[in-house]
Amino acid sequence: MSGGIVGCGFPHVTSSVVALTSLLSVGIVEQKLAIAGCWLAFTLFLPNVFKMRRSKRMRDSEGWVEEYNYEEKLEIRKRQRRSSSSSDRDKRQRRHHHHKTYERCHLDSKRLECKERRAWEPSERRQREGASVEPSREQRNRDWHHYSKSSARSGRSHQKSRTRHRSRRHSPQRSNSPFQRSQRRKRSRSVEDDEEGHLIYHSGLVLRARYKVVATLGEGAFGKVVECIDTSKDDARVALKIIKNIDRYREAAMSEVEVLGQINTLDDEKTFGCVRMLNWFDYHGHICIVFELLGLSTFDFLKENSFMPFTVDQIRHMSYQIFRAVAFLHQNKLTHTDLKPENILFVNSDYDLKYNAKMKRDERTLKNLNVKVVDFGNATYDHEHHTSVVSTRHYRAPEVILELGWNQACDVWSLGCILLEFYLGITLFQTHDSKEHLAMMERVLGPIPAHLLQKTKKRRYVHHDRLDWDEHSSSGRYVRKYCKPLKQYMSSKSSDHEQFFDLVQSMLQFDMSKRLTLEEALWHPFFHAVRKEKVSLTITAHT
């Protein structure tokens, strides 16, 4: 037995066993003492035996690995120290941050009203034996809340507030020097985006040591618009459009910057109602465009006024300015392509509040009807490539849906839809299906001309040179219920209303070659009162 143990390389254990064997012939007390001594030997020496057996191996997070050489040991110690200090910095940085989430923001006559909700940072992530524990879903969702608009997207934004860290680099080649790695780590900690590419910011953040964030004004697919204080211009209030840090949105933003610069040059006297760009810059991958601060959009005003329609006289003054602005674009070979109530803003949306006893509700009456056209991110020059689909669904012209090719006339169609929305208080074509959209057009404006249906690439929409539409289907019943011939929308038979609907009908011609141009529209009888007023003001100014 002892020889076998010695052969296995256990000298200390062998001596203890031999001593035990030699003492078997002595008394009971002596035997007990000998056994106790042997047990002590096992207890003291056996762990050292295994330690010696494993002296050529060491432990890492994956199991037993071969021992490293001297240089590798030094590298391991350095890595552990860096990891430990980095972890400590992260813990210190993430502790006790308080951010506010704007859930609803709008401008009223005195100030920007914001309902705010505090969002707390999640607790520190616990670590055990070098392996970090994955945070819970609730913790991830609460992490780094960002600002959102008052619309229904705010809830969705909070649910998607888990962030990703990005290192911002302007150099085309990646450098692996320790200094530049440190710089990238600093930028990734101070400038972060959410999962949708929005810049994460907070009230009081100063961009470019000049623009101090006040509150969120709006949000769209492109990014967000925030109100800022321009500290270099006597604390003037401006609107800052922060584009998502995504390639396609950056490209569109640079295109918008080019168009806005051209508009500023061509309209240096600020004669036409296009929003003015004051500045632009790149903030860690986010294109930021600085605009003059305007009021609510026409859509937001309608919404906050319980979708009460504008009066015909209000529509006349607003639409005349809009037509002049878009006609100015057309004269300079530009098509806006995304005209809608959200992209028409009041210069000042202050209002008087009066109670309507008949309707039993408060009604807002604007003090100033001046408006401006905004959002030139999709503006297209005549010589540029024309994508097959343009415009927001409800304001999309039939030639776009049928893929017949489009030109500046698609803006005229969009404006016709907008005017009717101002008049009715609701969207005329409330649908998200192209064929149903065409059926609604036919219900309101009459049959689509056969020669247009013969040319379309969308053959599934056509049957025997007519729109392939079943009036007795559920969709057909929906169209009959919510749409009616154009003139049946008239709320009065007065000359103003008659002229208004004549103008709209001329703008909503299926054949774009027969559609009224905006230069012609400005001379329509509906605008006679506005032209007369402007001439009177011009004569008064000269005298």
Protein backbone atom coordinates (compact mmCIF):
# COMPACT_ATOMS: atom_id res chain seq x y z
CA MET A 1 0.00 0.00 0.00
CA SER A 2 2.74 2.41 1.00
CA GLY A 3 4.61 1.66 -2.20
CA GLY A 4 1.57 2.52 -4.25
CA ILE A 5 1.16 5.84 -2.53
CA VAL A 6 4.82 6.67 -2.90
CA GLY A 7 4.57 5.82 -6.55
CA CYS A 8 1.80 8.38 -6.85
CA GLY A 9 4.02 11.07 -5.36
CA PHE A 10 2.56 11.56 -1.83
CA PRO A 11 5.68 11.41 0.49
CA HIS A 12 4.05 13.18 3.46
CA VAL A 13 1.04 10.92 3.40
CA THR A 14 3.30 7.83 3.07
CA SER A 15 5.25 8.66 6.21
CA SER A 16 2.01 9.14 8.16
CA VAL A 17 0.63 5.78 7.03
CA VAL A 18 3.88 3.96 7.88
CA ALA A 19 3.79 5.51 11.35
CA LEU A 20 0.19 4.33 11.77
CA THR A 21 1.12 0.77 10.73
CA SER A 22 4.05 0.57 13.15
CA LEU A 23 1.88 1.59 16.09
CA LEU A 24 -0.88 -0.97 15.63
CA SER A 25 0.79 -3.23 18.24
CA VAL A 26 0.75 -0.66 21.07
CA GLY A 27 -2.07 0.15 23.48
CA ILE A 28 -5.43 1.67 22.72
CA VAL A 29 -4.50 5.15 24.01
CA GLU A 30 -1.36 5.18 21.95
CA GLN A 31 -3.35 4.04 18.89
CA LYS A 32 -5.81 6.90 19.30
CA LEU A 33 -2.96 9.38 19.54
CA ALA A 34 -1.37 7.93 16.42
CA ILE A 35 -4.64 8.10 14.47
CA ALA A 36 -5.12 11.74 15.52
CA GLY A 37 -1.62 12.52 14.30
CA CYS A 38 -2.27 10.89 10.95
CA TRP A 39 -5.51 12.87 10.51
CA LEU A 40 -3.66 16.05 11.28
CA ALA A 41 -1.10 15.17 8.64
CA PHE A 42 -3.82 14.61 6.05
CA THR A 43 -5.50 17.89 6.98
CA LEU A 44 -2.34 19.95 6.76
CA PHE A 45 -0.66 18.43 3.75
CA LEU A 46 -3.43 17.25 1.42
CA PRO A 47 -4.53 20.78 0.20
CA ASN A 48 -0.91 21.64 -0.44
CA VAL A 49 -0.62 18.44 -2.45
CA PHE A 50 -3.46 19.48 -4.80
CA LYS A 51 -2.12 23.00 -4.91
CA MET A 52 1.24 21.66 -6.03
CA ARG A 53 -0.41 19.41 -8.58
CA ARG A 54 -2.16 22.47 -10.07
CA SER A 55 0.71 24.87 -9.78
CA LYS A 56 1.13 24.80 -13.56
CA ARG A 57 -2.52 25.94 -14.13
CA MET A 58 -4.59 28.95 -13.12
CA ARG A 59 -8.25 29.88 -12.98
CA ASP A 60 -10.13 32.29 -15.28
CA SER A 61 -13.86 32.88 -15.85
CA GLU A 62 -14.10 29.91 -18.25
CA GLY A 63 -12.27 27.26 -16.19
CA TRP A 64 -8.71 26.00 -15.82
CA VAL A 65 -6.17 27.35 -18.29
CA GLU A 66 -2.42 27.02 -18.67
CA GLU A 67 -0.29 29.37 -16.61
CA TYR A 68 0.70 32.59 -18.38
CA ASN A 69 4.28 33.74 -18.82
CA TYR A 70 5.65 36.84 -17.11
CA GLU A 71 4.61 39.32 -19.82
CA GLU A 72 1.09 37.89 -19.95
CA LYS A 73 0.76 38.15 -16.15
CA LEU A 74 1.61 41.84 -16.34
CA GLU A 75 -0.97 42.37 -19.08
CA ILE A 76 -3.64 40.57 -17.02
CA ARG A 77 -2.95 42.74 -13.98
CA LYS A 78 -3.15 45.92 -16.09
CA ARG A 79 -6.44 44.78 -17.67
CA GLN A 80 -7.94 43.99 -14.28
CA ARG A 81 -6.94 47.37 -12.90
CA ARG A 82 -8.41 49.17 -15.95
CA SER A 83 -11.63 47.15 -15.70
CA SER A 84 -11.95 47.88 -12.00
CA SER A 85 -11.35 51.61 -12.37
CA SER A 86 -13.68 51.81 -15.38
CA SER A 87 -16.39 50.04 -13.40
CA ASP A 88 -15.94 52.49 -10.53
CA ARG A 89 -16.17 55.45 -12.89
CA ASP A 90 -19.34 54.06 -14.47
CA LYS A 91 -20.90 53.57 -11.05
CA ARG A 92 -20.02 57.08 -9.95
CA GLN A 93 -21.32 58.54 -13.21
CA ARG A 94 -24.64 56.69 -13.19
CA ARG A 95 -25.48 57.52 -9.60
CA HIS A 96 -28.22 60.06 -8.83
CA HIS A 97 -28.93 61.47 -12.31
CA HIS A 98 -32.29 63.19 -12.50
CA HIS A 99 -33.81 63.86 -15.91
CA LYS A 100 -37.20 65.27 -16.85
CA THR A 101 -39.32 63.82 -19.59
CA TYR A 102 -41.52 66.29 -21.43
CA GLU A 103 -44.82 64.61 -22.17
CA ARG A 104 -46.67 67.56 -23.63
CA CYS A 105 -45.36 70.86 -24.87
CA HIS A 106 -47.09 73.71 -26.65
CA LEU A 107 -46.84 77.47 -27.02
CA ASP A 108 -49.60 79.67 -25.67
CA SER A 109 -49.88 83.45 -25.47
CA LYS A 110 -47.50 83.88 -22.56
CA ARG A 111 -45.18 80.92 -22.24
CA LEU A 112 -44.36 77.36 -23.18
CA GLU A 113 -46.47 75.05 -21.02
CA CYS A 114 -44.96 71.67 -20.30
CA LYS A 115 -46.26 68.75 -18.31
CA GLU A 116 -43.21 67.03 -16.95
CA ARG A 117 -42.47 63.73 -15.37
CA ARG A 118 -39.28 62.89 -13.49
CA ALA A 119 -37.41 59.86 -14.67
CA TRP A 120 -34.95 58.24 -12.29
CA GLU A 121 -31.81 56.42 -13.26
CA PRO A 122 -31.74 52.66 -12.58
CA SER A 123 -29.72 51.37 -9.66
CA GLU A 124 -26.16 50.24 -10.17
CA ARG A 125 -25.67 46.92 -11.84
CA ARG A 126 -24.44 44.34 -9.39
CA GLN A 127 -21.40 42.28 -10.18
CA ARG A 128 -20.41 38.89 -8.73
CA GLU A 129 -17.20 36.93 -9.32
CA GLY A 130 -16.27 39.10 -12.31
CA ALA A 131 -19.48 38.34 -14.26
CA SER A 132 -22.06 41.16 -14.51
CA VAL A 133 -25.69 40.33 -13.91
CA GLU A 134 -28.04 41.17 -16.80
CA PRO A 135 -30.40 44.01 -15.74
CA SER A 136 -34.12 43.35 -15.66
CA ARG A 137 -36.45 44.52 -18.47
CA GLU A 138 -37.91 47.15 -16.16
CA GLN A 139 -34.47 48.53 -15.37
CA ARG A 140 -33.53 48.66 -19.06
CA ASN A 141 -36.74 50.46 -19.95
CA ARG A 142 -36.13 53.06 -17.25
CA ASP A 143 -32.56 53.69 -18.32
CA TRP A 144 -31.70 57.12 -19.79
CA HIS A 145 -35.14 58.51 -20.56
CA HIS A 146 -35.28 61.00 -23.43
CA TYR A 147 -37.57 63.82 -24.33
CA SER A 148 -40.67 63.21 -26.40
CA LYS A 149 -43.49 65.11 -28.01
CA SER A 150 -46.98 65.41 -26.62
CA SER A 151 -48.38 63.08 -29.26
CA ALA A 152 -49.20 59.41 -28.85
CA ARG A 153 -45.57 58.58 -29.52
CA SER A 154 -44.54 59.72 -26.06
CA GLY A 155 -45.49 56.42 -24.46
CA ARG A 156 -43.71 54.49 -27.14
CA SER A 157 -40.65 56.64 -26.68
CA HIS A 158 -40.49 55.84 -22.96
CA GLN A 159 -40.70 52.15 -23.67
CA LYS A 160 -37.78 52.38 -26.06
CA SER A 161 -35.56 54.52 -23.91
CA ARG A 162 -32.79 51.93 -23.53
CA THR A 163 -29.73 53.53 -25.09
CA ARG A 164 -26.73 52.57 -27.06
CA HIS A 165 -23.32 54.18 -26.66
CA ARG A 166 -21.60 55.42 -29.78
CA SER A 167 -18.10 56.68 -30.25
CA ARG A 168 -18.18 59.73 -32.51
CA ARG A 169 -15.27 59.95 -34.91
CA HIS A 170 -14.76 62.45 -37.68
CA SER A 171 -11.57 60.86 -39.00
CA PRO A 172 -12.13 58.30 -41.76
CA GLN A 173 -9.66 55.79 -40.27
CA ARG A 174 -9.94 54.16 -36.85
CA SER A 175 -6.98 54.73 -34.58
CA ASN A 176 -6.08 52.33 -31.79
CA SER A 177 -3.80 54.64 -29.82
CA PRO A 178 -4.56 54.76 -26.07
CA PHE A 179 -5.16 58.52 -26.25
CA GLN A 180 -7.79 58.26 -28.99
CA ARG A 181 -9.44 55.28 -27.29
CA SER A 182 -9.72 57.42 -24.17
CA GLN A 183 -11.19 60.29 -26.20
CA ARG A 184 -13.77 57.96 -27.76
CA ARG A 185 -14.77 56.68 -24.33
CA LYS A 186 -15.27 60.24 -23.10
CA ARG A 187 -17.45 61.15 -26.08
CA SER A 188 -19.54 58.01 -25.79
CA ARG A 189 -20.28 58.76 -22.16
CA SER A 190 -21.20 62.43 -22.72
CA VAL A 191 -23.13 62.17 -26.02
CA GLU A 192 -25.61 59.35 -26.44
CA ASP A 193 -28.42 58.35 -28.80
CA ASP A 194 -31.49 56.29 -28.12
CA GLU A 195 -32.38 53.20 -30.14
CA GLU A 196 -34.13 55.25 -32.84
CA GLY A 197 -31.10 57.49 -33.39
CA HIS A 198 -32.43 60.54 -31.51
CA LEU A 199 -29.94 62.59 -29.55
CA ILE A 200 -30.51 62.21 -25.81
CA TYR A 201 -30.57 65.66 -24.25
CA HIS A 202 -31.98 67.46 -21.24
CA SER A 203 -33.21 70.93 -20.39
CA GLY A 204 -30.22 73.20 -19.87
CA LEU A 205 -27.89 71.33 -22.24
CA VAL A 206 -25.78 73.79 -24.25
CA LEU A 207 -24.84 72.86 -27.81
CA ARG A 208 -21.83 74.43 -29.47
CA ALA A 209 -21.39 76.64 -26.38
CA ARG A 210 -24.24 78.75 -27.74
CA TYR A 211 -27.68 77.09 -27.93
CA LYS A 212 -29.21 76.27 -24.54
CA VAL A 213 -32.06 73.74 -24.68
CA VAL A 214 -35.33 74.90 -23.10
CA ALA A 215 -37.95 72.31 -24.10
CA THR A 216 -39.11 69.94 -26.83
CA LEU A 217 -41.42 71.44 -29.44
CA GLY A 218 -42.07 68.45 -31.68
CA GLU A 219 -40.93 65.09 -32.98
CA GLY A 220 -41.00 63.41 -36.36
CA ALA A 221 -39.41 60.62 -38.36
CA PHE A 222 -36.43 62.91 -39.06
CA GLY A 223 -35.66 63.76 -35.42
CA LYS A 224 -36.83 66.34 -32.91
CA VAL A 225 -37.32 70.10 -32.73
CA VAL A 226 -36.41 71.89 -29.51
CA GLU A 227 -36.73 75.46 -28.33
CA CYS A 228 -33.36 76.99 -27.49
CA ILE A 229 -31.92 80.21 -26.19
CA ASP A 230 -29.23 81.68 -28.44
CA THR A 231 -26.81 83.00 -25.83
CA SER A 232 -24.79 84.86 -28.46
CA LYS A 233 -27.82 86.84 -29.71
CA ASP A 234 -29.12 88.53 -26.56
CA ASP A 235 -30.81 85.30 -25.44
CA ALA A 236 -33.07 85.24 -28.49
CA ARG A 237 -35.40 82.25 -28.75
CA VAL A 238 -34.84 79.93 -31.71
CA ALA A 239 -36.03 76.53 -32.91
CA LEU A 240 -33.35 73.86 -33.28
CA LYS A 241 -34.05 70.86 -35.49
CA ILE A 242 -31.90 67.91 -34.34
CA ILE A 243 -31.68 65.23 -37.02
CA LYS A 244 -31.30 61.55 -36.14
CA ASN A 245 -27.80 60.13 -36.29
CA ILE A 246 -28.73 57.88 -39.22
CA ASP A 247 -27.16 58.13 -42.67
CA ARG A 248 -30.31 58.62 -44.75
CA TYR A 249 -31.62 61.35 -42.43
CA ARG A 250 -28.25 63.11 -42.41
CA GLU A 251 -28.24 63.12 -46.21
CA ALA A 252 -31.79 64.52 -46.32
CA ALA A 253 -30.82 67.16 -43.75
CA MET A 254 -27.84 68.31 -45.82
CA SER A 255 -30.13 68.53 -48.83
CA GLU A 256 -32.52 70.67 -46.75
CA VAL A 257 -29.64 72.90 -45.64
CA GLU A 258 -28.76 73.47 -49.30
CA VAL A 259 -32.36 74.31 -50.22
CA LEU A 260 -32.80 76.63 -47.23
CA GLY A 261 -29.57 78.43 -48.08
CA GLN A 262 -30.83 78.92 -51.63
CA ILE A 263 -34.17 80.24 -50.34
CA ASN A 264 -32.40 82.71 -48.03
CA THR A 265 -30.34 83.95 -50.98
CA LEU A 266 -33.27 84.27 -53.40
CA ASP A 267 -35.58 85.84 -50.81
CA ASP A 268 -33.13 88.09 -48.99
CA GLU A 269 -35.89 90.63 -48.33
CA LYS A 270 -38.06 87.99 -46.61
CA THR A 271 -40.96 88.63 -48.97
CA PHE A 272 -42.26 85.06 -49.20
CA GLY A 273 -43.55 82.89 -46.39
CA CYS A 274 -40.79 80.28 -46.20
CA VAL A 275 -39.12 79.63 -42.86
CA ARG A 276 -35.69 81.21 -42.43
CA MET A 277 -32.60 79.15 -41.61
CA LEU A 278 -30.35 81.07 -39.21
CA ASN A 279 -27.49 78.58 -38.84
CA TRP A 280 -26.57 74.90 -39.00
CA PHE A 281 -23.86 72.62 -37.58
CA ASP A 282 -22.90 69.00 -37.01
CA TYR A 283 -23.16 67.87 -33.39
CA HIS A 284 -21.51 64.44 -33.01
CA GLY A 285 -23.22 63.05 -36.11
CA HIS A 286 -26.50 64.92 -35.62
CA ILE A 287 -27.13 67.63 -38.21
CA CYS A 288 -28.65 70.58 -36.32
CA ILE A 289 -30.51 73.33 -38.18
CA VAL A 290 -31.36 76.61 -36.44
CA PHE A 291 -34.61 78.33 -37.45
CA GLU A 292 -36.57 81.35 -36.41
CA LEU A 293 -39.01 80.36 -33.66
CA LEU A 294 -42.60 80.13 -34.92
CA GLY A 295 -45.91 79.23 -33.29
CA LEU A 296 -48.13 76.16 -33.55
CA SER A 297 -48.70 74.31 -36.81
CA THR A 298 -52.14 74.69 -38.38
CA PHE A 299 -52.84 71.05 -37.51
CA ASP A 300 -51.92 71.49 -33.84
CA PHE A 301 -54.08 74.60 -33.60
CA LEU A 302 -57.04 72.71 -35.10
CA LYS A 303 -56.44 69.86 -32.67
CA GLU A 304 -56.25 72.11 -29.61
CA ASN A 305 -59.35 73.96 -30.80
CA SER A 306 -61.36 70.69 -30.88
CA PHE A 307 -60.99 70.54 -34.69
CA MET A 308 -63.28 73.51 -35.16
CA PRO A 309 -62.90 74.63 -38.81
CA PHE A 310 -61.38 77.92 -39.81
CA THR A 311 -63.72 80.50 -41.29
CA VAL A 312 -63.66 81.17 -45.04
CA ASP A 313 -62.14 84.59 -44.44
CA GLN A 314 -59.37 83.07 -42.29
CA ILE A 315 -58.71 80.44 -44.97
CA ARG A 316 -58.48 83.18 -47.60
CA HIS A 317 -55.74 85.09 -45.74
CA MET A 318 -53.80 81.95 -44.79
CA SER A 319 -53.97 80.23 -48.18
CA TYR A 320 -52.92 83.39 -50.06
CA GLN A 321 -49.64 83.42 -48.11
CA ILE A 322 -49.16 79.67 -48.56
CA PHE A 323 -49.79 79.88 -52.31
CA ARG A 324 -47.26 82.73 -52.65
CA ALA A 325 -44.61 80.78 -50.74
CA VAL A 326 -45.04 77.57 -52.76
CA ALA A 327 -45.35 79.50 -56.04
CA PHE A 328 -42.00 81.09 -55.17
CA LEU A 329 -40.53 77.58 -54.88
CA HIS A 330 -42.06 76.55 -58.21
CA GLN A 331 -40.66 79.64 -59.93
CA ASN A 332 -37.23 78.53 -58.76
CA LYS A 333 -37.76 74.98 -60.09
CA LEU A 334 -38.41 73.41 -56.69
CA THR A 335 -41.24 71.09 -55.62
CA HIS A 336 -41.92 70.86 -51.89
CA THR A 337 -43.48 67.32 -52.16
CA ASP A 338 -44.59 67.15 -48.49
CA LEU A 339 -47.18 69.85 -47.98
CA LYS A 340 -49.59 69.15 -45.11
CA PRO A 341 -51.11 71.10 -42.17
CA GLU A 342 -48.23 69.98 -39.91
CA ASN A 343 -45.77 71.78 -42.23
CA ILE A 344 -47.62 75.11 -42.20
CA LEU A 345 -46.88 77.07 -39.03
CA PHE A 346 -48.36 80.24 -37.62
CA VAL A 347 -45.80 82.98 -37.06
CA ASN A 348 -47.54 83.66 -33.76
CA SER A 349 -50.32 81.39 -32.50
CA ASP A 350 -51.61 83.68 -29.75
CA TYR A 351 -55.39 83.65 -29.55
CA ASP A 352 -58.46 85.09 -27.83
CA LEU A 353 -60.65 82.62 -25.95
CA LYS A 354 -64.40 83.03 -26.16
CA TYR A 355 -67.26 80.83 -25.02
CA ASN A 356 -69.67 79.67 -27.71
CA ALA A 357 -73.03 79.33 -25.97
CA LYS A 358 -74.61 77.61 -28.98
CA MET A 359 -71.90 74.92 -29.19
CA LYS A 360 -71.36 75.00 -25.39
CA ARG A 361 -67.58 75.14 -25.63
CA ASP A 362 -64.63 77.53 -25.57
CA GLU A 363 -63.35 78.60 -28.96
CA ARG A 364 -59.98 80.06 -29.87
CA THR A 365 -59.69 82.92 -32.32
CA LEU A 366 -56.22 83.70 -33.67
CA LYS A 367 -54.90 87.20 -33.25
CA ASN A 368 -52.53 86.90 -36.22
CA LEU A 369 -53.14 84.83 -39.37
CA ASN A 370 -49.60 85.04 -40.78
CA VAL A 371 -48.20 81.61 -41.67
CA LYS A 372 -44.98 80.13 -43.05
CA VAL A 373 -44.13 76.91 -44.91
CA VAL A 374 -41.55 74.65 -43.25
CA ASP A 375 -39.78 71.29 -43.75
CA PHE A 376 -37.83 71.28 -47.00
CA GLY A 377 -36.15 67.95 -46.33
CA ASN A 378 -37.93 66.33 -49.30
CA ALA A 379 -37.87 69.34 -51.63
CA THR A 380 -36.80 68.28 -55.12
CA TYR A 381 -35.40 70.34 -58.00
CA ASP A 382 -36.90 69.80 -61.44
CA HIS A 383 -33.62 68.38 -62.78
CA GLU A 384 -33.14 65.94 -59.88
CA HIS A 385 -34.24 62.32 -59.73
CA HIS A 386 -37.94 62.03 -58.85
CA THR A 387 -38.65 59.13 -56.51
CA SER A 388 -41.78 57.12 -57.29
CA VAL A 389 -43.55 57.94 -54.00
CA VAL A 390 -43.79 61.40 -52.44
CA SER A 391 -46.14 63.25 -50.08
CA THR A 392 -47.90 62.07 -46.94
CA ARG A 393 -50.69 59.59 -47.73
CA HIS A 394 -53.74 61.84 -47.19
CA TYR A 395 -52.31 64.61 -49.41
CA ARG A 396 -50.86 62.40 -52.14
CA ALA A 397 -51.84 63.16 -55.73
CA PRO A 398 -53.43 60.46 -57.96
CA GLU A 399 -50.52 60.51 -60.43
CA VAL A 400 -48.20 59.50 -57.57
CA ILE A 401 -50.43 56.60 -56.52
CA LEU A 402 -50.78 55.43 -60.13
CA GLU A 403 -47.04 55.94 -60.76
CA LEU A 404 -47.60 58.14 -63.79
CA GLY A 405 -44.74 60.48 -62.90
CA TRP A 406 -45.15 63.74 -61.03
CA ASN A 407 -44.15 67.39 -61.18
CA GLN A 408 -44.97 70.62 -59.34
CA ALA A 409 -48.68 69.92 -59.82
CA CYS A 410 -48.53 67.39 -56.96
CA ASP A 411 -48.03 70.35 -54.60
CA VAL A 412 -51.20 71.93 -55.97
CA TRP A 413 -53.18 68.76 -55.23
CA SER A 414 -51.82 68.66 -51.68
CA LEU A 415 -52.82 72.28 -51.12
CA GLY A 416 -56.34 71.56 -52.40
CA CYS A 417 -56.66 68.82 -49.76
CA ILE A 418 -55.27 71.15 -47.10
CA LEU A 419 -57.79 73.89 -47.91
CA LEU A 420 -60.66 71.45 -47.54
CA GLU A 421 -59.24 70.29 -44.20
CA PHE A 422 -59.17 73.90 -43.00
CA TYR A 423 -62.78 74.26 -44.15
CA LEU A 424 -64.08 70.99 -42.65
CA GLY A 425 -61.80 70.63 -39.65
CA ILE A 426 -61.10 67.00 -40.61
CA THR A 427 -58.97 65.20 -43.20
CA LEU A 428 -60.82 64.64 -46.48
CA PHE A 429 -59.25 61.31 -47.48
CA GLN A 430 -58.95 59.28 -44.28
CA THR A 431 -57.40 56.05 -45.48
CA HIS A 432 -54.15 54.09 -45.57
CA ASP A 433 -54.89 51.94 -48.61
CA SER A 434 -54.06 53.11 -52.14
CA LYS A 435 -57.01 51.53 -53.93
CA GLU A 436 -59.41 52.77 -51.26
CA HIS A 437 -57.80 56.20 -51.59
CA LEU A 438 -58.53 56.22 -55.34
CA ALA A 439 -62.11 55.11 -54.64
CA MET A 440 -62.53 58.03 -52.24
CA MET A 441 -61.25 60.40 -54.90
CA GLU A 442 -63.83 59.06 -57.34
CA ARG A 443 -66.58 59.39 -54.75
CA VAL A 444 -65.69 63.08 -54.18
CA LEU A 445 -64.52 64.17 -57.65
CA GLY A 446 -66.07 61.72 -60.12
CA PRO A 447 -64.53 58.89 -62.20
CA ILE A 448 -60.81 58.81 -62.89
CA PRO A 449 -60.25 59.49 -66.62
CA ALA A 450 -59.75 56.27 -68.60
CA HIS A 451 -56.56 57.49 -70.30
CA LEU A 452 -54.85 57.79 -66.88
CA LEU A 453 -55.88 54.27 -65.88
CA GLN A 454 -54.62 52.94 -69.20
CA LYS A 455 -51.15 54.39 -68.55
CA THR A 456 -50.72 53.26 -64.97
CA LYS A 457 -48.17 50.63 -63.98
CA LYS A 458 -50.48 49.57 -61.14
CA ARG A 459 -52.53 47.15 -63.23
CA ARG A 460 -54.06 45.53 -60.15
CA TYR A 461 -56.03 48.73 -59.59
CA VAL A 462 -57.66 48.57 -63.03
CA HIS A 463 -60.31 46.39 -64.65
CA HIS A 464 -61.58 47.18 -68.16
CA ASP A 465 -60.15 50.73 -68.02
CA ARG A 466 -62.00 51.46 -64.80
CA LEU A 467 -61.00 51.38 -61.15
CA ASP A 468 -61.35 47.81 -59.90
CA TRP A 469 -63.57 48.56 -56.92
CA ASP A 470 -66.45 46.73 -55.27
CA GLU A 471 -68.92 49.26 -53.87
CA HIS A 472 -70.75 46.55 -51.92
CA SER A 473 -67.70 45.37 -49.96
CA SER A 474 -67.01 46.59 -46.43
CA SER A 475 -64.47 49.06 -47.83
CA GLY A 476 -67.00 50.19 -50.41
CA ARG A 477 -69.59 50.83 -47.71
CA TYR A 478 -67.00 52.76 -45.69
CA VAL A 479 -66.20 55.01 -48.66
CA ARG A 480 -69.89 55.69 -49.34
CA LYS A 481 -70.48 56.52 -45.69
CA TYR A 482 -67.58 58.91 -45.11
CA CYS A 483 -67.20 60.52 -48.53
CA LYS A 484 -69.63 62.48 -50.69
CA PRO A 485 -69.49 64.64 -53.83
CA LEU A 486 -67.41 67.78 -53.37
CA LYS A 487 -70.16 70.40 -53.54
CA GLN A 488 -72.13 68.59 -50.82
CA TYR A 489 -69.49 69.64 -48.32
CA MET A 490 -70.51 73.30 -48.72
CA SER A 491 -71.93 74.74 -45.51
CA SER A 492 -73.27 77.88 -47.21
CA LYS A 493 -74.38 79.03 -50.65
CA SER A 494 -72.80 82.47 -50.32
CA SER A 495 -70.47 83.79 -53.03
CA ASP A 496 -67.41 83.34 -50.80
CA HIS A 497 -68.17 79.66 -50.33
CA GLU A 498 -68.99 79.21 -54.03
CA GLN A 499 -65.68 80.79 -55.03
CA PHE A 500 -63.80 78.72 -52.48
CA PHE A 501 -65.16 75.42 -53.82
CA ASP A 502 -64.56 76.51 -57.40
CA LEU A 503 -60.90 77.13 -56.50
CA VAL A 504 -60.57 73.77 -54.73
CA GLN A 505 -62.18 71.89 -57.62
CA SER A 506 -59.71 73.49 -60.05
CA MET A 507 -56.84 72.32 -57.84
CA LEU A 508 -58.15 68.75 -57.50
CA GLN A 509 -58.21 67.81 -61.18
CA PHE A 510 -57.16 64.19 -61.83
CA ASP A 511 -55.18 65.15 -64.93
CA MET A 512 -52.22 67.18 -63.70
CA SER A 513 -51.96 68.94 -67.08
CA LYS A 514 -55.43 70.43 -66.45
CA ARG A 515 -54.76 71.31 -62.80
CA LEU A 516 -54.57 74.96 -61.86
CA THR A 517 -51.07 76.35 -61.28
CA LEU A 518 -50.42 78.39 -58.16
CA GLU A 519 -49.68 81.53 -60.16
CA GLU A 520 -53.12 81.16 -61.74
CA ALA A 521 -54.67 80.35 -58.36
CA LEU A 522 -53.40 83.64 -56.88
CA TRP A 523 -55.53 85.47 -59.46
CA HIS A 524 -58.66 83.46 -58.72
CA PRO A 525 -61.73 85.56 -57.71
CA PHE A 526 -61.57 83.98 -54.25
CA PHE A 527 -58.46 86.13 -53.52
CA HIS A 528 -59.86 89.37 -54.91
CA ALA A 529 -60.47 90.79 -51.42
CA VAL A 530 -56.88 90.02 -50.33
CA ARG A 531 -55.33 91.60 -53.42
CA LYS A 532 -57.49 94.68 -52.98
CA GLU A 533 -56.40 94.95 -49.34
CA LYS A 534 -52.72 94.62 -50.25
CA VAL A 535 -52.97 97.27 -52.94
CA SER A 536 -54.64 99.59 -50.44
CA LEU A 537 -51.87 98.99 -47.91
CA THR A 538 -49.20 99.64 -50.56
CA ILE A 539 -50.78 102.95 -51.58
CA THR A 540 -51.07 104.00 -47.93
CA ALA A 541 -47.41 103.16 -47.32
CA HIS A 542 -46.25 105.28 -50.26
CA THR A 543 -48.38 108.26 -49.28
